[in-house]
Protein backbone atom coordinates (compact mmCIF):
# COMPACT_ATOMS: atom_id res chain seq x y z
CA MET A 1 0.00 0.00 0.00
CA GLY A 2 2.82 2.40 0.88
CA ALA A 3 4.44 1.82 -2.50
CA ILE A 4 1.15 2.58 -4.30
CA LEU A 5 0.68 5.84 -2.39
CA GLY A 6 4.33 6.79 -2.79
CA LEU A 7 5.01 6.49 0.96
CA LYS A 8 7.31 3.48 0.90
CA GLY A 9 10.45 3.92 3.01
CA PHE A 10 9.04 6.76 5.14
CA THR A 11 11.70 8.17 7.52
CA ARG A 12 11.86 10.70 10.36
CA GLY A 13 13.47 13.11 7.90
CA ASP A 14 10.44 12.68 5.64
CA LEU A 15 8.22 13.78 8.52
CA ASP A 16 10.30 16.92 9.05
CA GLY A 17 10.32 17.66 5.32
CA PHE A 18 6.57 17.06 5.08
CA PHE A 19 5.76 19.64 7.75
CA GLY A 20 7.96 22.26 6.09
CA LEU A 21 6.47 21.72 2.62
CA PHE A 22 2.94 21.28 3.98
CA ILE A 23 2.99 24.62 5.83
CA ASP A 24 4.22 26.33 2.67
CA ASN A 25 1.44 24.81 0.56
CA LEU A 26 -1.15 25.40 3.27
CA LEU A 27 -0.29 29.08 3.32
CA GLN A 28 -0.92 29.26 -0.43
CA LEU A 29 -4.39 27.76 0.08
CA MET A 30 -5.16 30.26 2.83
CA LEU A 31 -4.05 33.12 0.59
CA ILE A 32 -6.14 31.84 -2.32
CA ALA A 33 -9.21 31.68 -0.09
CA VAL A 34 -8.69 35.15 1.39
CA LEU A 35 -7.48 37.02 -1.71
CA CYS A 36 -9.89 35.46 -4.21
CA ARG A 37 -12.79 36.52 -2.00
CA GLY A 38 -11.55 40.01 -1.21
CA VAL A 39 -9.79 41.01 -4.45
CA CYS A 40 -11.60 38.96 -7.11
CA GLY A 41 -15.08 38.63 -5.59
CA PHE A 42 -15.18 34.85 -5.96
CA PRO A 43 -18.13 33.20 -4.17
CA ASP A 44 -17.61 30.20 -1.89
CA GLU A 45 -19.17 27.78 -4.37
CA LEU A 46 -16.51 28.73 -6.93
CA LEU A 47 -13.67 28.51 -4.42
CA VAL A 48 -14.81 25.30 -2.72
CA GLY A 49 -16.32 23.55 -5.71
CA ARG A 50 -13.88 24.41 -8.50
CA ILE A 51 -10.67 26.28 -7.67
CA LEU A 52 -9.35 24.48 -4.59
CA PRO A 53 -10.17 20.92 -5.78
CA GLY A 54 -8.34 21.71 -9.02
CA ALA A 55 -5.40 23.11 -7.06
CA GLY A 56 -5.32 20.02 -4.84
CA LEU A 57 -5.31 17.68 -7.84
CA SER A 58 -2.45 19.57 -9.52
CA ILE A 59 -0.38 19.51 -6.31
CA LEU A 60 -1.03 15.77 -5.90
CA PHE A 61 -0.05 15.10 -9.53
CA GLY A 62 3.27 16.89 -9.25
CA ASN A 63 4.24 15.57 -5.83
CA LEU A 64 3.58 11.97 -6.84
CA PHE A 65 5.66 12.42 -9.99
CA TYR A 66 8.64 13.92 -8.16
CA ALA A 67 8.43 11.25 -5.44
CA TRP A 68 8.47 8.58 -8.18
CA GLN A 69 11.34 10.37 -9.91
CA ALA A 70 13.37 10.34 -6.68
CA ARG A 71 12.76 6.62 -6.18
CA ARG A 72 13.81 5.98 -9.77
CA LEU A 73 17.06 7.86 -9.13
CA MET A 74 17.59 5.83 -5.96
CA ALA A 75 17.18 2.58 -7.92
CA ARG A 76 19.49 3.72 -10.72
CA THR A 77 22.29 4.93 -8.46
CA GLY A 78 21.93 2.52 -5.56
CA ARG A 79 21.74 5.44 -3.12
CA ASP A 80 19.19 5.82 -0.33
CA ASP A 81 19.79 9.52 0.36
CA VAL A 82 18.03 10.97 -2.70
CA THR A 83 15.60 13.82 -1.97
CA ALA A 84 12.58 14.54 -4.16
CA LEU A 85 12.18 17.98 -5.67
CA PRO A 86 9.80 20.14 -3.59
CA TYR A 87 6.68 21.22 -5.48
CA GLY A 88 3.57 23.33 -5.00
CA ILE A 89 1.69 26.48 -6.00
CA ASN A 90 3.95 29.27 -7.19
CA THR A 91 3.72 32.11 -4.66
CA VAL A 92 4.75 34.87 -7.06
CA SER A 93 2.33 33.68 -9.76
CA LEU A 94 -0.42 33.56 -7.15
CA PHE A 95 0.05 37.24 -6.31
CA ALA A 96 0.59 38.26 -9.94
CA PHE A 97 -2.56 36.52 -11.18
CA VAL A 98 -4.70 37.83 -8.28
CA PHE A 99 -3.53 41.46 -8.23
CA LEU A 100 -2.51 41.98 -11.86
CA VAL A 101 -4.91 39.75 -13.84
CA MET A 102 -8.10 38.59 -12.10
CA GLY A 103 -8.40 41.51 -9.66
CA PRO A 104 -8.35 44.19 -12.40
CA VAL A 105 -10.90 42.22 -14.46
CA TYR A 106 -13.25 42.03 -11.47
CA ARG A 107 -12.81 45.74 -10.62
CA GLU A 108 -13.50 46.71 -14.22
CA THR A 109 -16.50 44.44 -14.85
CA GLY A 110 -17.81 43.27 -11.47
CA ASP A 111 -18.03 39.79 -13.06
CA ALA A 112 -16.34 37.15 -10.86
CA GLN A 113 -17.02 34.42 -13.43
CA LEU A 114 -15.21 36.38 -16.14
CA ALA A 115 -12.30 37.09 -13.77
CA TRP A 116 -12.03 33.34 -13.07
CA ARG A 117 -12.04 32.50 -16.77
CA VAL A 118 -9.29 35.02 -17.46
CA GLY A 119 -7.33 33.42 -14.60
CA LEU A 120 -7.81 29.97 -16.13
CA PHE A 121 -6.57 31.32 -19.48
CA ALA A 122 -3.50 32.77 -17.75
CA CYS A 123 -2.78 29.46 -16.01
CA LEU A 124 -3.30 27.51 -19.25
CA PHE A 125 -0.97 29.81 -21.22
CA ASN A 126 1.59 29.56 -18.42
CA ALA A 127 1.38 25.76 -18.52
CA LEU A 128 1.92 25.67 -22.29
CA MET A 129 4.97 27.93 -21.92
CA GLU A 130 6.42 25.61 -19.29
CA ILE A 131 5.82 22.55 -21.48
CA ALA A 132 7.43 24.25 -24.49
CA GLY A 133 10.26 25.34 -22.23
CA ALA A 134 11.14 21.72 -21.55
CA PHE A 135 12.54 21.72 -25.09
CA CYS A 136 14.08 25.23 -25.23
CA GLY A 137 14.56 26.27 -21.62
CA ASP A 138 18.32 26.03 -21.68
CA TRP A 139 18.51 28.41 -24.67
CA LEU A 140 16.30 30.97 -22.90
CA ARG A 141 18.44 30.78 -19.81
CA ARG A 142 21.67 31.30 -21.73
CA HIS A 143 20.37 34.46 -23.43
CA THR A 144 18.66 36.18 -20.49
CA PRO A 145 20.86 37.69 -17.77
CA ARG A 146 20.02 36.30 -14.36
CA ALA A 147 19.68 39.85 -13.01
CA ALA A 148 16.87 40.49 -15.52
CA LEU A 149 14.83 37.62 -14.12
CA LEU A 150 15.61 37.86 -10.45
CA SER A 151 15.12 41.61 -10.17
CA THR A 152 11.55 41.39 -11.45
CA LEU A 153 10.87 38.53 -9.10
CA ALA A 154 12.36 40.55 -6.24
CA GLY A 155 10.24 43.58 -7.07
CA ILE A 156 7.05 41.54 -6.81
CA ALA A 157 8.31 39.82 -3.66
CA LEU A 158 9.24 43.10 -1.97
CA GLY A 159 6.09 45.00 -2.91
CA PHE A 160 3.17 42.65 -3.37
CA ILE A 161 4.30 39.90 -0.98
CA ALA A 162 6.40 41.40 1.84
CA MET A 163 5.17 45.01 2.05
CA GLY A 164 1.63 44.20 1.02
CA PHE A 165 1.08 41.97 4.06
CA VAL A 166 3.48 43.41 6.60
CA PHE A 167 1.00 46.30 6.95
CA GLN A 168 -1.69 43.81 7.95
CA LEU A 169 0.69 42.19 10.40
CA PHE A 170 1.66 45.45 12.08
CA ALA A 171 -1.99 46.50 12.23
CA ALA A 172 -2.51 43.57 14.66
CA PRO A 173 0.80 43.44 16.60
CA ALA A 174 -0.63 41.56 19.59
CA LEU A 175 -1.65 38.79 17.22
CA GLY A 176 1.09 38.70 14.60
CA LEU A 177 4.31 40.14 16.02
CA VAL A 178 5.36 37.18 18.16
CA PRO A 179 4.77 34.56 15.40
CA MET A 180 6.66 36.82 12.99
CA MET A 181 9.65 37.04 15.30
CA LEU A 182 9.57 33.27 15.85
CA ILE A 183 9.68 32.70 12.09
CA LEU A 184 12.52 35.19 11.62
CA THR A 185 14.43 33.61 14.52
CA SER A 186 13.95 30.05 13.35
CA TYR A 187 14.55 30.58 9.63
CA GLY A 188 17.19 33.27 10.10
CA SER A 189 19.29 31.16 12.48
CA GLY A 190 18.55 27.84 10.80
CA LEU A 191 17.58 26.36 14.17
CA ARG A 192 14.32 24.88 15.35
CA PRO A 193 12.29 26.43 18.19
CA PRO A 194 12.68 24.79 21.63
CA SER A 195 9.45 22.87 20.97
CA GLY A 196 11.23 20.91 18.23
CA LEU A 197 8.50 21.76 15.72
CA PRO A 198 9.40 23.24 12.32
CA GLY A 199 9.51 27.04 12.53
CA GLY A 200 6.47 27.70 10.33
CA LEU A 201 4.32 25.13 12.15
CA ALA A 202 5.44 26.41 15.57
CA ALA A 203 4.56 30.00 14.59
CA MET A 204 1.07 29.01 13.44
CA VAL A 205 0.44 26.97 16.60
CA LEU A 206 1.70 29.80 18.83
CA GLY A 207 -0.22 32.46 16.92
CA SER A 208 -3.43 30.44 17.07
CA GLY A 209 -2.98 29.86 20.80
CA LEU A 210 -2.43 33.58 21.42
CA ALA A 211 -5.46 34.48 19.31
CA TRP A 212 -7.87 32.14 21.05
CA ALA A 213 -6.50 32.83 24.55
CA GLY A 214 -6.71 36.57 23.92
CA ARG A 215 -10.28 36.21 22.65
CA TRP A 216 -11.31 34.15 25.67
CA LEU A 217 -9.73 36.63 28.10
CA GLY A 218 -11.14 39.62 26.24
CA TRP A 219 -7.70 41.06 25.42
CA LEU A 220 -7.83 40.63 21.64
CA ASP A 221 -10.51 41.41 19.12
CA PHE A 222 -9.86 38.22 17.16
CA GLN A 223 -12.81 37.35 14.94
CA PRO A 224 -12.60 33.90 13.30
CA MET A 225 -13.87 33.58 9.77
CA ALA A 226 -17.65 33.44 9.61
CA ASP A 227 -19.85 31.54 7.16
CA THR A 228 -17.51 28.57 6.89
CA PRO A 229 -18.51 26.24 4.02
CA ALA A 230 -19.76 22.86 5.13
CA LEU A 231 -17.40 19.92 5.12
CA GLY A 232 -18.17 17.52 2.30
CA PHE A 233 -16.68 15.92 -0.76
CA TYR A 234 -15.79 18.32 -3.54
CA PRO A 235 -14.19 16.26 -6.31
CA PRO A 236 -12.10 18.02 -8.94
CA LEU A 237 -14.23 18.36 -12.06
CA PRO A 238 -12.81 19.02 -15.53
CA VAL A 239 -13.68 22.46 -16.92
CA PRO A 240 -11.93 22.55 -20.32
CA GLY A 241 -14.72 24.70 -21.75
CA GLU A 242 -14.12 27.38 -19.12
CA ALA A 243 -10.35 27.26 -19.61
CA LEU A 244 -10.66 27.60 -23.39
CA ALA A 245 -13.62 29.99 -23.41
CA LEU A 246 -11.54 33.15 -23.83
CA LEU A 247 -9.05 32.00 -26.45
CA ALA A 248 -10.64 34.40 -28.95
CA SER A 249 -11.27 37.17 -26.42
CA PRO A 250 -9.11 40.34 -26.41
CA LYS A 251 -9.78 40.58 -22.65
CA ALA A 252 -7.65 37.52 -21.87
CA TRP A 253 -4.89 38.27 -24.37
CA SER A 254 -4.55 41.81 -22.99
CA TYR A 255 -2.79 40.37 -19.94
CA LEU A 256 0.09 38.78 -21.86
CA ALA A 257 2.43 41.43 -20.43
CA VAL A 258 1.90 39.71 -17.07
CA ILE A 259 1.46 36.11 -18.22
CA VAL A 260 4.54 35.82 -20.46
CA PRO A 261 7.09 37.04 -17.89
CA MET A 262 5.53 34.79 -15.23
CA GLY A 263 5.87 31.82 -17.58
CA LEU A 264 9.53 32.69 -18.12
CA PHE A 265 10.09 33.05 -14.38
CA ASN A 266 8.54 29.67 -13.67
CA LEU A 267 10.54 28.03 -16.43
CA ILE A 268 13.93 29.51 -15.63
CA GLY A 269 13.31 29.29 -11.90
CA SER A 270 12.69 25.57 -12.31
CA LEU A 271 15.95 25.22 -14.24
CA GLN A 272 17.78 27.01 -11.45
CA ASN A 273 16.16 24.75 -8.86
CA LEU A 274 17.31 21.70 -10.82
CA GLU A 275 20.84 23.12 -10.74
CA SER A 276 20.49 23.68 -7.00
CA ALA A 277 19.43 20.05 -6.51
CA GLU A 278 22.39 18.84 -8.57
CA ALA A 279 24.77 20.94 -6.47
CA ALA A 280 23.29 19.22 -3.41
CA GLY A 281 23.99 15.79 -4.93
CA ASP A 282 20.76 14.86 -6.75
CA ARG A 283 20.97 15.18 -10.52
CA TYR A 284 17.56 15.02 -12.20
CA GLU A 285 16.97 15.00 -15.95
CA THR A 286 15.89 18.40 -17.22
CA ARG A 287 13.25 17.55 -19.81
CA PRO A 288 11.01 15.18 -17.80
CA SER A 289 11.28 17.44 -14.75
CA LEU A 290 10.13 20.48 -16.71
CA LEU A 291 7.45 18.54 -18.58
CA ALA A 292 5.93 17.37 -15.29
CA ASN A 293 6.12 20.93 -14.04
CA GLY A 294 4.12 22.20 -17.01
CA LEU A 295 1.67 19.29 -16.97
CA GLY A 296 0.91 20.04 -13.32
CA SER A 297 -0.10 23.60 -14.25
CA LEU A 298 -2.11 22.20 -17.17
CA VAL A 299 -4.00 19.91 -14.78
CA ALA A 300 -4.69 22.96 -12.59
CA ALA A 301 -6.15 25.00 -15.47
CA LEU A 302 -8.26 22.18 -16.90
CA PHE A 303 -9.72 21.34 -13.46
CA GLY A 304 -10.58 24.88 -12.41
CA SER A 305 -7.54 26.30 -10.62
CA ALA A 306 -6.13 29.60 -11.91
CA PHE A 307 -2.80 29.08 -10.14
CA PRO A 308 0.24 27.45 -11.77
CA THR A 309 2.33 24.94 -9.85
CA THR A 310 6.09 24.73 -9.96
CA ILE A 311 9.26 23.15 -8.60
CA TYR A 312 10.05 25.00 -5.37
CA ILE A 313 13.31 26.52 -4.33
CA GLY A 314 14.90 24.91 -1.26
CA HIS A 315 15.79 21.32 -2.25
CA PRO A 316 19.10 21.49 -0.29
CA GLY A 317 17.18 22.50 2.83
CA TRP A 318 14.83 19.52 2.63
CA LYS A 319 17.82 17.27 1.94
CA ALA A 320 19.61 18.59 5.02
CA MET A 321 16.51 17.69 7.07
CA GLY A 322 16.87 14.07 5.93
CA ALA A 323 13.78 14.14 3.70
CA ARG A 324 13.78 11.58 0.91
CA ALA A 325 10.89 10.72 -1.46
CA ALA A 326 7.93 10.00 0.80
CA TYR A 327 7.70 13.54 2.20
CA SER A 328 6.66 14.79 -1.25
CA ALA A 329 3.98 12.12 -1.75
CA LEU A 330 2.54 12.66 1.75
CA ASN A 331 2.33 16.40 1.14
CA GLY A 332 0.43 15.79 -2.09
CA TRP A 333 -2.12 13.46 -0.47
CA VAL A 334 -2.75 15.67 2.57
CA ILE A 335 -3.11 18.90 0.58
CA ALA A 336 -5.42 17.20 -1.93
CA LEU A 337 -7.57 15.86 0.92
CA LEU A 338 -7.85 19.31 2.54
CA CYS A 339 -8.91 20.82 -0.79
CA MET A 340 -11.44 18.13 -1.65
CA VAL A 341 -13.31 18.10 1.67
CA GLY A 342 -13.38 21.86 2.25
CA ALA A 343 -11.22 21.60 5.38
CA TYR A 344 -9.08 24.59 4.37
CA ALA A 345 -11.92 26.88 5.52
CA TRP A 346 -11.95 25.34 8.98
CA LEU A 347 -8.22 25.92 9.23
CA LEU A 348 -8.85 29.58 8.42
CA LYS A 349 -11.46 29.59 11.18
CA LEU A 350 -8.97 28.16 13.69
CA VAL A 351 -5.74 29.83 12.54
CA PRO A 352 -5.68 33.63 12.10
CA LEU A 353 -3.96 34.65 8.89
CA GLU A 354 -1.76 37.05 10.88
CA ALA A 355 -0.11 34.03 12.51
CA ALA A 356 1.23 32.95 9.11
CA LEU A 357 2.05 36.33 7.55
CA GLY A 358 5.59 36.21 8.94
CA ILE A 359 6.23 33.38 6.46
CA LEU A 360 5.28 35.72 3.61
CA LEU A 361 7.58 38.40 4.97
CA TRP A 362 10.38 35.83 5.09
CA ILE A 363 9.68 34.66 1.54
CA GLY A 364 9.70 38.25 0.32
CA ILE A 365 13.01 39.21 1.87
CA VAL A 366 14.67 35.91 0.89
CA ILE A 367 13.69 36.35 -2.77
CA THR A 368 14.89 39.96 -2.68
CA ALA A 369 18.19 39.03 -1.04
CA GLN A 370 18.71 36.17 -3.49
CA ALA A 371 18.35 38.58 -6.42
CA PHE A 372 21.46 40.41 -5.19
CA GLN A 373 23.38 37.38 -3.93
CA ALA A 374 22.94 35.17 -7.01
CA VAL A 375 24.31 37.65 -9.56
CA PRO A 376 27.87 38.92 -10.12
CA PRO A 377 28.64 41.96 -7.92
CA ALA A 378 28.79 44.19 -11.00
CA HIS A 379 25.15 43.29 -11.77
CA ALA A 380 23.79 44.50 -8.40
CA LEU A 381 23.01 47.86 -10.00
CA ALA A 382 20.98 46.04 -12.67
CA VAL A 383 18.95 44.28 -9.97
CA SER A 384 18.31 47.63 -8.26
CA LEU A 385 17.12 49.20 -11.50
CA GLY A 386 14.86 46.22 -12.20
CA LEU A 387 13.06 46.74 -8.88
CA VAL A 388 11.77 50.16 -9.89
CA PRO A 389 8.95 49.23 -12.34
CA ALA A 390 7.59 46.57 -9.95
CA LEU A 391 7.55 49.04 -7.08
CA ALA A 392 5.78 51.54 -9.38
CA ALA A 393 3.06 48.95 -10.03
CA TRP A 394 2.68 48.36 -6.31
CA GLY A 395 2.58 52.11 -5.68
CA LEU A 396 -0.18 52.52 -8.26
CA LEU A 397 -2.18 49.82 -6.50
CA LEU A 398 -1.86 51.78 -3.23
CA VAL A 399 -2.97 55.01 -4.94
CA GLU A 400 -6.01 53.35 -6.51
CA THR A 401 -6.96 51.66 -3.24
CA ALA A 402 -6.72 54.95 -1.32
CA LEU A 403 -8.82 56.78 -3.89
CA ARG A 404 -11.55 54.12 -3.85
CA ALA A 405 -11.61 54.22 -0.04
CA GLY A 406 -12.09 57.98 -0.26
CA GLY A 407 -15.02 57.64 -2.63
CA SER A 408 -13.12 58.83 -5.71
CA SER A 409 -11.32 57.17 -8.61
CA LEU A 410 -8.04 57.48 -10.46
CA TYR A 411 -9.93 58.77 -13.51
CA ALA A 412 -11.41 61.64 -11.51
CA ALA A 413 -8.32 62.44 -9.44
CA ALA A 414 -5.58 62.18 -12.10
CA PRO A 415 -5.96 65.77 -13.42
CA ARG A 416 -5.56 67.12 -9.87
CA PHE A 417 -2.23 65.48 -9.01
CA GLY A 418 -0.04 67.92 -10.91
CA GLN A 419 3.60 67.92 -9.83
CA ASP A 420 2.84 66.47 -6.42
CA LEU A 421 2.83 63.06 -8.07
CA TYR A 422 3.56 62.50 -11.73
CA ILE A 423 0.69 60.08 -11.94
CA HIS A 424 0.89 59.49 -15.69
CA GLY A 425 4.55 58.51 -15.37
CA LEU A 426 3.61 56.15 -12.54
CA ILE A 427 0.90 54.55 -14.65
CA ALA A 428 3.14 54.24 -17.73
CA LEU A 429 5.93 52.62 -15.73
CA SER A 430 3.50 50.18 -14.12
CA GLN A 431 2.00 48.97 -17.41
CA GLY A 432 3.78 45.78 -18.45
CA PHE A 433 6.16 46.33 -15.55
CA MET A 434 7.47 42.77 -15.59
CA LEU A 435 8.75 43.14 -19.13
CA THR A 436 10.08 46.62 -18.38
CA SER A 437 11.95 45.30 -15.34
CA MET A 438 13.51 42.55 -17.42
CA VAL A 439 14.57 44.94 -20.19
CA LEU A 440 16.06 47.62 -17.93
CA ALA A 441 17.92 45.10 -15.78
CA ALA A 442 19.20 43.21 -18.84
CA VAL A 443 20.45 46.44 -20.45
CA LEU A 444 22.33 47.51 -17.34
CA ALA A 445 23.75 44.02 -16.79
CA HIS A 446 25.18 44.02 -20.32
CA LEU A 447 26.47 47.57 -19.86
CA ALA A 448 28.31 46.44 -16.74
CA GLU A 449 30.05 43.91 -18.99
CA ARG A 450 30.56 46.60 -21.67
CA ASP A 451 28.65 44.46 -24.11
CA PHE A 452 26.98 47.39 -25.85
CA LEU A 453 25.65 45.32 -28.75
CA LYS A 454 23.57 43.03 -26.50
CA ALA A 455 22.39 46.05 -24.52
CA ALA A 456 21.26 47.64 -27.78
CA VAL A 457 19.37 44.49 -28.79
CA TRP A 458 17.41 44.58 -25.51
CA THR A 459 16.71 48.30 -25.99
CA PHE A 460 15.39 47.77 -29.53
CA ALA A 461 13.24 44.95 -28.12
CA ALA A 462 11.80 47.47 -25.64
CA ALA A 463 11.00 49.80 -28.54
CA GLY A 464 9.03 47.02 -30.21
CA LEU A 465 7.21 46.15 -26.98
CA ALA A 466 6.24 49.80 -26.48
CA TRP A 467 5.16 50.23 -30.10
CA PHE A 468 2.66 47.38 -29.80
CA GLY A 469 1.56 48.33 -26.27
CA LEU A 470 3.02 45.49 -24.23
CA ILE A 471 4.78 48.07 -22.04
CA HIS A 472 3.92 51.66 -21.04
CA ALA A 473 0.69 51.94 -23.08
CA TYR A 474 -2.60 52.52 -21.30
CA THR A 475 -5.98 54.21 -21.42
CA LEU A 476 -7.40 55.83 -18.31
CA THR A 477 -11.13 55.07 -18.04
CA PRO A 478 -13.77 55.64 -15.34
CA SER A 479 -13.36 52.00 -14.30
CA GLY A 480 -9.57 52.27 -13.99
CA VAL A 481 -6.40 51.81 -16.04
CA ALA A 482 -7.01 49.73 -19.16
CA ASN A 483 -4.39 48.07 -21.34
CA HIS A 484 -3.93 49.63 -24.75
CA PHE A 485 -2.62 47.36 -27.47
CA GLY A 486 -2.20 48.08 -31.14
CA PHE A 487 0.12 49.47 -33.77
CA GLY A 488 1.79 52.62 -32.44
CA ALA A 489 0.29 52.21 -28.95
CA ALA A 490 3.07 54.06 -27.07
CA PRO A 491 5.05 55.88 -29.79
CA ALA A 492 6.97 58.29 -27.54
CA PHE A 493 8.42 55.39 -25.56
CA ALA A 494 9.10 53.41 -28.73
CA TYR A 495 11.03 56.31 -30.28
CA GLY A 496 12.92 56.92 -27.04
CA TYR A 497 14.03 53.30 -26.76
CA ALA A 498 14.92 53.12 -30.46
CA LEU A 499 17.08 56.25 -30.23
CA SER A 500 18.70 54.89 -27.07
CA GLY A 501 19.49 51.70 -28.95
CA GLY A 502 21.18 53.81 -31.63
CA VAL A 503 23.31 55.49 -28.96
CA LEU A 504 24.36 52.08 -27.63
CA LEU A 505 25.29 50.97 -31.14
CA GLY A 506 27.50 54.06 -31.35
CA PHE A 507 29.27 52.94 -28.16
CA HIS A 508 29.63 49.45 -29.63
CA TRP A 509 31.24 50.63 -32.88
CA ARG A 510 33.50 53.16 -31.17
CA TYR A 511 34.88 50.86 -28.51
CA ARG A 512 35.02 47.80 -30.74
CA GLU A 513 37.37 49.71 -33.03
CA ARG A 514 39.42 50.89 -30.06
CA ALA A 515 39.61 47.34 -28.72
CA GLY A 516 40.70 46.15 -32.13
C-alpha cells in the first residue's frame, strides 16, 4: 500500500520535510481563499467547488511524480539519500494573477465568473509555456541575464508579498508580532524552536494559541472567519470549456504582459532549482522534470484552478533535514484531501492569517536578497534598477486603493495630481512592468560587462514592446487603467528606446574599433 501511495520507506526526515512543505502549501491555500474573495469577488461555491479541488489535484499530480522520480534515481544509483524535488503552487504567480490579472478584471467588470475564466486562461498559457520550455529552456536561460529575471521577481516579492502583508501584520501586533519574530528567529538562524517543531508550524500553533486565549480573556478582538462552508466531498471536475472559453477574447490576451514574464520566471526558476538540486547531490533529468512541471499547471487550469504549480526553491534544505521521497507524496495526499473536503476553511477559522504572515515576509526578503546574492557583484546595480517598475506597479495599487476608499477614482483624481505626483509617469511605468523590469535590468547588466551590442538588442526589443503596447501603453477610463494594445500604442516610448538603442550601437562601434 505504501508503494502505491508513494510512501514506501518513510523516515523521520520525511516527517520533518513534510511539515515544512505542507505549511508552505497550506499558506498558499489560505491566501487563495482570502485574496480570491476580497480582491476577485469569488463566491464560496466557486472557491470550494472548483478552484481548490483543481489546485489540490495539480499539487497531488506533481508531488507523486517527483516522489516517483526520486525513487527511480535511488534505484538507478543505488543510493538511499536521494531527496525529491519540492513542489507546489507558485507564490509569485499567485500574487501576480490575483492582483494583476483577475483583480483588475473584477474591478472593471464586477463579473467574478469572467475574472475566473481570465485566470484559467492565464494558467493555461503559463502551462503551455512551461511545457514548451522543456525543449528550449536552456537556450532561454543562456540568453537572459540572471539579473533580468531575479530583479523582477524581487520587485514583486518586496512590494506585493512582503510590504503588502506586513501592513496587515503590524496592524494587529498583539496577534502577529510574536509569530513573525519566531519565524525570523527560526529561519534566520537555521535552528528549530525549543518545541522541536518546524519554525512555520510552531509559529502558526503559537499564533493560534495567542489568538484564542486573547479572545477568551477579552484582550484581543480576534474574529474567526464566519460563514464557513460545510465539510463535504468536492471532487475536482474538468472544466476545459471554461479554460478555453476566452481563447478568442481580447480581454484575456490583454494580460500577456503579465502572463509571459511569469511563464519565463517559472521556467527559468525551475531550471535554477534543478541546478540547486544537482549541487546538493541529486541530478535530475531536465526535460522530464520540466514537462511534469508544465503538466501540473495544465491539470490545474483544466480542473478549475487559476494558479500554476512549480518546482520549489529549497531542495538542499529539505535534503539537510533528511527528507527523501515520501515527504513529497505525503504532502500531495494531505493537501489534496484538505482541498477536496473543504477543510481549508476550517483551518482559516482556527488559525488567524496574521499568525502565518511572517512566512510571507520571510519569503519576500529571501527572494529579494537572493536577487542580489545570485548575480555577479557588478550586476547588483541592474537588480536595483529592475526593482523600480515593480515598485511603481505596487505604488499605483496603493494610490487606486486609497482613492476608492475615499469615494473617488483614479480617472477623476488624475488631473488634480499635478507635480505632487507625476501620476501618468507612474501609470506608464507600471504597465507591463514585468517586461520593463527585465529589459532595464538586462540592459544595465550588459552595460556592466561593456557588451553594448547586447544592450542595444534589448533596448530595440523594448522599442518594439512599447510600439505594440506590451509596455507603457494605457488608457485611463472611469473603471480604472485599461491596457492599450495596437500598432503605435506608445510611440513616444518606442522612439525613445529606439534612439537609445542607436546610442548604444554608437558605443559598440566606437569601442570595438578601439579594442581592435
